PDB file of all heavy atoms in Angstrom:
ATOM      1  N   SER A   1      32.564 -76.211 -65.073  1.00  0.00           N
ATOM      2  CA  SER A   1      33.607 -76.911 -65.793  1.00  0.00           C
ATOM      3  C   SER A   1      33.204 -77.007 -67.250  1.00  0.00           C
ATOM      4  O   SER A   1      32.053 -76.715 -67.586  1.00  0.00           O
ATOM      5  CB  SER A   1      33.873 -78.290 -65.251  1.00  0.00           C
ATOM      6  OG  SER A   1      32.632 -79.117 -65.328  1.00  0.00           O
ATOM      7  N   GLY A   2      34.175 -77.338 -68.085  1.00  0.00           N
ATOM      8  CA  GLY A   2      33.918 -77.576 -69.505  1.00  0.00           C
ATOM      9  C   GLY A   2      34.420 -76.582 -70.473  1.00  0.00           C
ATOM     10  O   GLY A   2      34.269 -76.654 -71.636  1.00  0.00           O
ATOM     11  N   GLY A   3      34.976 -75.418 -69.920  1.00  0.00           N
ATOM     12  CA  GLY A   3      35.379 -74.333 -70.783  1.00  0.00           C
ATOM     13  C   GLY A   3      36.696 -74.664 -71.489  1.00  0.00           C
ATOM     14  O   GLY A   3      37.229 -75.788 -71.297  1.00  0.00           O
ATOM     15  N   GLY A   4      37.051 -73.847 -72.399  1.00  0.00           N
ATOM     16  CA  GLY A   4      38.322 -74.125 -73.137  1.00  0.00           C
ATOM     17  C   GLY A   4      38.409 -73.318 -74.434  1.00  0.00           C
ATOM     18  O   GLY A   4      37.617 -72.342 -74.653  1.00  0.00           O
ATOM     19  N   LEU A   5      39.307 -73.667 -75.296  1.00  0.00           N
ATOM     20  CA  LEU A   5      39.476 -73.023 -76.626  1.00  0.00           C
ATOM     21  C   LEU A   5      38.811 -73.821 -77.598  1.00  0.00           C
ATOM     22  O   LEU A   5      39.022 -75.102 -77.764  1.00  0.00           O
ATOM     23  CB  LEU A   5      41.043 -72.894 -76.858  1.00  0.00           C
ATOM     24  CG  LEU A   5      41.363 -72.330 -78.255  1.00  0.00           C
ATOM     25  CD1 LEU A   5      40.968 -70.966 -78.276  1.00  0.00           C
ATOM     26  CD2 LEU A   5      42.892 -72.491 -78.468  1.00  0.00           C
ATOM     27  N   VAL A   6      38.017 -73.187 -78.501  1.00  0.00           N
ATOM     28  CA  VAL A   6      37.269 -73.878 -79.558  1.00  0.00           C
ATOM     29  C   VAL A   6      37.269 -73.010 -80.733  1.00  0.00           C
ATOM     30  O   VAL A   6      37.358 -71.791 -80.655  1.00  0.00           O
ATOM     31  CB  VAL A   6      35.866 -74.163 -79.060  1.00  0.00           C
ATOM     32  CG1 VAL A   6      35.106 -73.032 -78.812  1.00  0.00           C
ATOM     33  CG2 VAL A   6      35.150 -75.016 -80.054  1.00  0.00           C
ATOM     34  N   GLN A   7      37.248 -73.576 -81.856  1.00  0.00           N
ATOM     35  CA  GLN A   7      37.247 -72.812 -83.138  1.00  0.00           C
ATOM     36  C   GLN A   7      35.823 -72.355 -83.432  1.00  0.00           C
ATOM     37  O   GLN A   7      34.837 -72.930 -83.025  1.00  0.00           O
ATOM     38  CB  GLN A   7      37.638 -73.767 -84.307  1.00  0.00           C
ATOM     39  CG  GLN A   7      39.163 -74.048 -84.325  1.00  0.00           C
ATOM     40  CD  GLN A   7      39.644 -74.707 -85.593  1.00  0.00           C
ATOM     41  OE1 GLN A   7      38.795 -75.370 -86.292  1.00  0.00           O
ATOM     42  NE2 GLN A   7      40.909 -74.602 -85.856  1.00  0.00           N
ATOM     43  N   SER A   8      35.792 -71.211 -84.165  1.00  0.00           N
ATOM     44  CA  SER A   8      34.449 -70.663 -84.639  1.00  0.00           C
ATOM     45  C   SER A   8      33.643 -71.794 -85.360  1.00  0.00           C
ATOM     46  O   SER A   8      34.135 -72.498 -86.194  1.00  0.00           O
ATOM     47  CB  SER A   8      34.720 -69.535 -85.551  1.00  0.00           C
ATOM     48  OG  SER A   8      33.541 -68.956 -85.942  1.00  0.00           O
ATOM     49  N   GLY A   9      32.357 -71.812 -84.897  1.00  0.00           N
ATOM     50  CA  GLY A   9      31.449 -72.928 -85.489  1.00  0.00           C
ATOM     51  C   GLY A   9      31.486 -74.125 -84.670  1.00  0.00           C
ATOM     52  O   GLY A   9      30.654 -75.070 -84.946  1.00  0.00           O
ATOM     53  N   GLY A  10      32.321 -74.292 -83.647  1.00  0.00           N
ATOM     54  CA  GLY A  10      32.395 -75.492 -82.868  1.00  0.00           C
ATOM     55  C   GLY A  10      31.413 -75.422 -81.750  1.00  0.00           C
ATOM     56  O   GLY A  10      30.535 -74.536 -81.645  1.00  0.00           O
ATOM     57  N   SER A  11      31.528 -76.503 -80.932  1.00  0.00           N
ATOM     58  CA  SER A  11      30.578 -76.699 -79.816  1.00  0.00           C
ATOM     59  C   SER A  11      31.345 -76.962 -78.531  1.00  0.00           C
ATOM     60  O   SER A  11      32.425 -77.550 -78.530  1.00  0.00           O
ATOM     61  CB  SER A  11      29.622 -77.880 -80.017  1.00  0.00           C
ATOM     62  OG  SER A  11      28.910 -77.622 -81.214  1.00  0.00           O
ATOM     63  N   VAL A  12      30.747 -76.604 -77.410  1.00  0.00           N
ATOM     64  CA  VAL A  12      31.190 -76.859 -76.036  1.00  0.00           C
ATOM     65  C   VAL A  12      30.036 -77.106 -75.205  1.00  0.00           C
ATOM     66  O   VAL A  12      29.014 -76.414 -75.350  1.00  0.00           O
ATOM     67  CB  VAL A  12      32.047 -75.606 -75.487  1.00  0.00           C
ATOM     68  CG1 VAL A  12      32.305 -75.757 -74.100  1.00  0.00           C
ATOM     69  CG2 VAL A  12      33.317 -75.499 -76.267  1.00  0.00           C
ATOM     70  N   ARG A  13      30.238 -77.972 -74.164  1.00  0.00           N
ATOM     71  CA  ARG A  13      29.222 -78.079 -73.222  1.00  0.00           C
ATOM     72  C   ARG A  13      29.777 -77.728 -71.790  1.00  0.00           C
ATOM     73  O   ARG A  13      30.696 -78.352 -71.379  1.00  0.00           O
ATOM     74  CB  ARG A  13      28.519 -79.515 -73.130  1.00  0.00           C
ATOM     75  CG  ARG A  13      27.373 -79.588 -72.223  1.00  0.00           C
ATOM     76  CD  ARG A  13      26.737 -80.953 -72.195  1.00  0.00           C
ATOM     77  NE  ARG A  13      27.315 -81.870 -71.357  1.00  0.00           N
ATOM     78  CZ  ARG A  13      26.658 -82.903 -70.751  1.00  0.00           C
ATOM     79  NH1 ARG A  13      25.348 -83.093 -70.992  1.00  0.00           N
ATOM     80  NH2 ARG A  13      27.334 -83.790 -70.026  1.00  0.00           N
ATOM     81  N   LEU A  14      29.095 -76.799 -71.192  1.00  0.00           N
ATOM     82  CA  LEU A  14      29.540 -76.368 -69.876  1.00  0.00           C
ATOM     83  C   LEU A  14      28.703 -77.135 -68.864  1.00  0.00           C
ATOM     84  O   LEU A  14      27.503 -77.361 -69.059  1.00  0.00           O
ATOM     85  CB  LEU A  14      29.389 -74.890 -69.680  1.00  0.00           C
ATOM     86  CG  LEU A  14      30.146 -73.919 -70.580  1.00  0.00           C
ATOM     87  CD1 LEU A  14      29.863 -72.546 -70.254  1.00  0.00           C
ATOM     88  CD2 LEU A  14      31.561 -74.333 -70.693  1.00  0.00           C
ATOM     89  N   SER A  15      29.297 -77.441 -67.759  1.00  0.00           N
ATOM     90  CA  SER A  15      28.490 -78.055 -66.624  1.00  0.00           C
ATOM     91  C   SER A  15      28.708 -77.133 -65.275  1.00  0.00           C
ATOM     92  O   SER A  15      29.743 -76.504 -65.132  1.00  0.00           O
ATOM     93  CB  SER A  15      29.046 -79.471 -66.257  1.00  0.00           C
ATOM     94  OG  SER A  15      28.886 -80.233 -67.340  1.00  0.00           O
ATOM     95  N   CYS A  16      27.692 -77.176 -64.527  1.00  0.00           N
ATOM     96  CA  CYS A  16      27.753 -76.481 -63.189  1.00  0.00           C
ATOM     97  C   CYS A  16      27.244 -77.525 -62.133  1.00  0.00           C
ATOM     98  O   CYS A  16      26.039 -77.756 -62.155  1.00  0.00           O
ATOM     99  CB  CYS A  16      26.988 -75.229 -63.205  1.00  0.00           C
ATOM    100  SG  CYS A  16      26.814 -74.301 -61.679  1.00  0.00           S
ATOM    101  N   ALA A  17      28.134 -77.906 -61.279  1.00  0.00           N
ATOM    102  CA  ALA A  17      27.663 -78.826 -60.243  1.00  0.00           C
ATOM    103  C   ALA A  17      27.413 -78.026 -59.030  1.00  0.00           C
ATOM    104  O   ALA A  17      28.271 -77.258 -58.523  1.00  0.00           O
ATOM    105  CB  ALA A  17      28.799 -79.896 -60.010  1.00  0.00           C
ATOM    106  N   ALA A  18      26.366 -78.393 -58.307  1.00  0.00           N
ATOM    107  CA  ALA A  18      26.047 -77.713 -57.052  1.00  0.00           C
ATOM    108  C   ALA A  18      26.158 -78.618 -55.873  1.00  0.00           C
ATOM    109  O   ALA A  18      25.752 -79.893 -55.942  1.00  0.00           O
ATOM    110  CB  ALA A  18      24.545 -77.200 -57.151  1.00  0.00           C
ATOM    111  N   SER A  19      26.506 -78.148 -54.737  1.00  0.00           N
ATOM    112  CA  SER A  19      26.526 -78.892 -53.494  1.00  0.00           C
ATOM    113  C   SER A  19      25.175 -78.867 -52.841  1.00  0.00           C
ATOM    114  O   SER A  19      24.297 -78.140 -53.236  1.00  0.00           O
ATOM    115  CB  SER A  19      27.487 -78.312 -52.486  1.00  0.00           C
ATOM    116  OG  SER A  19      27.101 -76.959 -52.185  1.00  0.00           O
ATOM    117  N   GLY A  20      24.917 -79.796 -51.861  1.00  0.00           N
ATOM    118  CA  GLY A  20      23.716 -79.713 -51.149  1.00  0.00           C
ATOM    119  C   GLY A  20      22.607 -80.564 -51.688  1.00  0.00           C
ATOM    120  O   GLY A  20      22.746 -81.185 -52.748  1.00  0.00           O
ATOM    121  N   ARG A  21      21.488 -80.659 -50.951  1.00  0.00           N
ATOM    122  CA  ARG A  21      20.386 -81.538 -51.191  1.00  0.00           C
ATOM    123  C   ARG A  21      19.202 -80.808 -51.827  1.00  0.00           C
ATOM    124  O   ARG A  21      18.249 -81.534 -52.077  1.00  0.00           O
ATOM    125  CB  ARG A  21      20.029 -82.310 -49.988  1.00  0.00           C
ATOM    126  CG  ARG A  21      21.144 -83.200 -49.416  1.00  0.00           C
ATOM    127  CD  ARG A  21      20.693 -83.941 -48.162  1.00  0.00           C
ATOM    128  NE  ARG A  21      21.786 -84.805 -47.568  1.00  0.00           N
ATOM    129  CZ  ARG A  21      21.541 -85.527 -46.515  1.00  0.00           C
ATOM    130  NH1 ARG A  21      20.398 -85.524 -45.957  1.00  0.00           N
ATOM    131  NH2 ARG A  21      22.579 -86.243 -46.092  1.00  0.00           N
ATOM    132  N   THR A  22      19.239 -79.527 -51.946  1.00  0.00           N
ATOM    133  CA  THR A  22      18.097 -78.797 -52.306  1.00  0.00           C
ATOM    134  C   THR A  22      18.232 -78.184 -53.694  1.00  0.00           C
ATOM    135  O   THR A  22      17.534 -77.198 -53.868  1.00  0.00           O
ATOM    136  CB  THR A  22      17.804 -77.738 -51.221  1.00  0.00           C
ATOM    137  OG1 THR A  22      18.979 -76.878 -51.088  1.00  0.00           O
ATOM    138  CG2 THR A  22      17.417 -78.337 -49.903  1.00  0.00           C
ATOM    139  N   PHE A  23      19.074 -78.679 -54.469  1.00  0.00           N
ATOM    140  CA  PHE A  23      19.263 -78.044 -55.829  1.00  0.00           C
ATOM    141  C   PHE A  23      18.018 -77.886 -56.576  1.00  0.00           C
ATOM    142  O   PHE A  23      17.830 -76.912 -57.264  1.00  0.00           O
ATOM    143  CB  PHE A  23      20.227 -79.012 -56.628  1.00  0.00           C
ATOM    144  CG  PHE A  23      20.512 -78.529 -58.049  1.00  0.00           C
ATOM    145  CD1 PHE A  23      21.329 -77.427 -58.264  1.00  0.00           C
ATOM    146  CD2 PHE A  23      19.969 -79.234 -59.072  1.00  0.00           C
ATOM    147  CE1 PHE A  23      21.585 -77.020 -59.604  1.00  0.00           C
ATOM    148  CE2 PHE A  23      20.221 -78.734 -60.381  1.00  0.00           C
ATOM    149  CZ  PHE A  23      21.053 -77.660 -60.607  1.00  0.00           C
ATOM    150  N   GLY A  24      17.097 -78.750 -56.517  1.00  0.00           N
ATOM    151  CA  GLY A  24      15.951 -78.725 -57.265  1.00  0.00           C
ATOM    152  C   GLY A  24      14.948 -77.587 -56.964  1.00  0.00           C
ATOM    153  O   GLY A  24      14.004 -77.321 -57.692  1.00  0.00           O
ATOM    154  N   VAL A  25      15.136 -76.856 -55.868  1.00  0.00           N
ATOM    155  CA  VAL A  25      14.231 -75.685 -55.491  1.00  0.00           C
ATOM    156  C   VAL A  25      14.926 -74.406 -56.024  1.00  0.00           C
ATOM    157  O   VAL A  25      14.259 -73.349 -55.859  1.00  0.00           O
ATOM    158  CB  VAL A  25      14.111 -75.586 -53.927  1.00  0.00           C
ATOM    159  CG1 VAL A  25      13.601 -76.877 -53.391  1.00  0.00           C
ATOM    160  CG2 VAL A  25      15.414 -75.171 -53.195  1.00  0.00           C
ATOM    161  N   TYR A  26      16.048 -74.491 -56.637  1.00  0.00           N
ATOM    162  CA  TYR A  26      16.661 -73.234 -57.160  1.00  0.00           C
ATOM    163  C   TYR A  26      16.442 -73.038 -58.683  1.00  0.00           C
ATOM    164  O   TYR A  26      16.753 -73.877 -59.445  1.00  0.00           O
ATOM    165  CB  TYR A  26      18.176 -73.221 -56.905  1.00  0.00           C
ATOM    166  CG  TYR A  26      18.598 -73.509 -55.463  1.00  0.00           C
ATOM    167  CD1 TYR A  26      19.619 -74.313 -55.206  1.00  0.00           C
ATOM    168  CD2 TYR A  26      17.914 -72.863 -54.383  1.00  0.00           C
ATOM    169  CE1 TYR A  26      20.056 -74.548 -53.811  1.00  0.00           C
ATOM    170  CE2 TYR A  26      18.344 -73.125 -53.064  1.00  0.00           C
ATOM    171  CZ  TYR A  26      19.331 -73.931 -52.797  1.00  0.00           C
ATOM    172  OH  TYR A  26      19.703 -74.139 -51.501  1.00  0.00           O
TER     173      TYR A  26
END
C-alpha cells in the first residue's frame, strides 16, 4: 500500500504487510 501520484522531488512511503507469525525469519 501507499502508492500514488507524486510530483518530481516529492516523497512517498510504501508499506508491505505480511500475514502469518513467522515474518521475522524472511
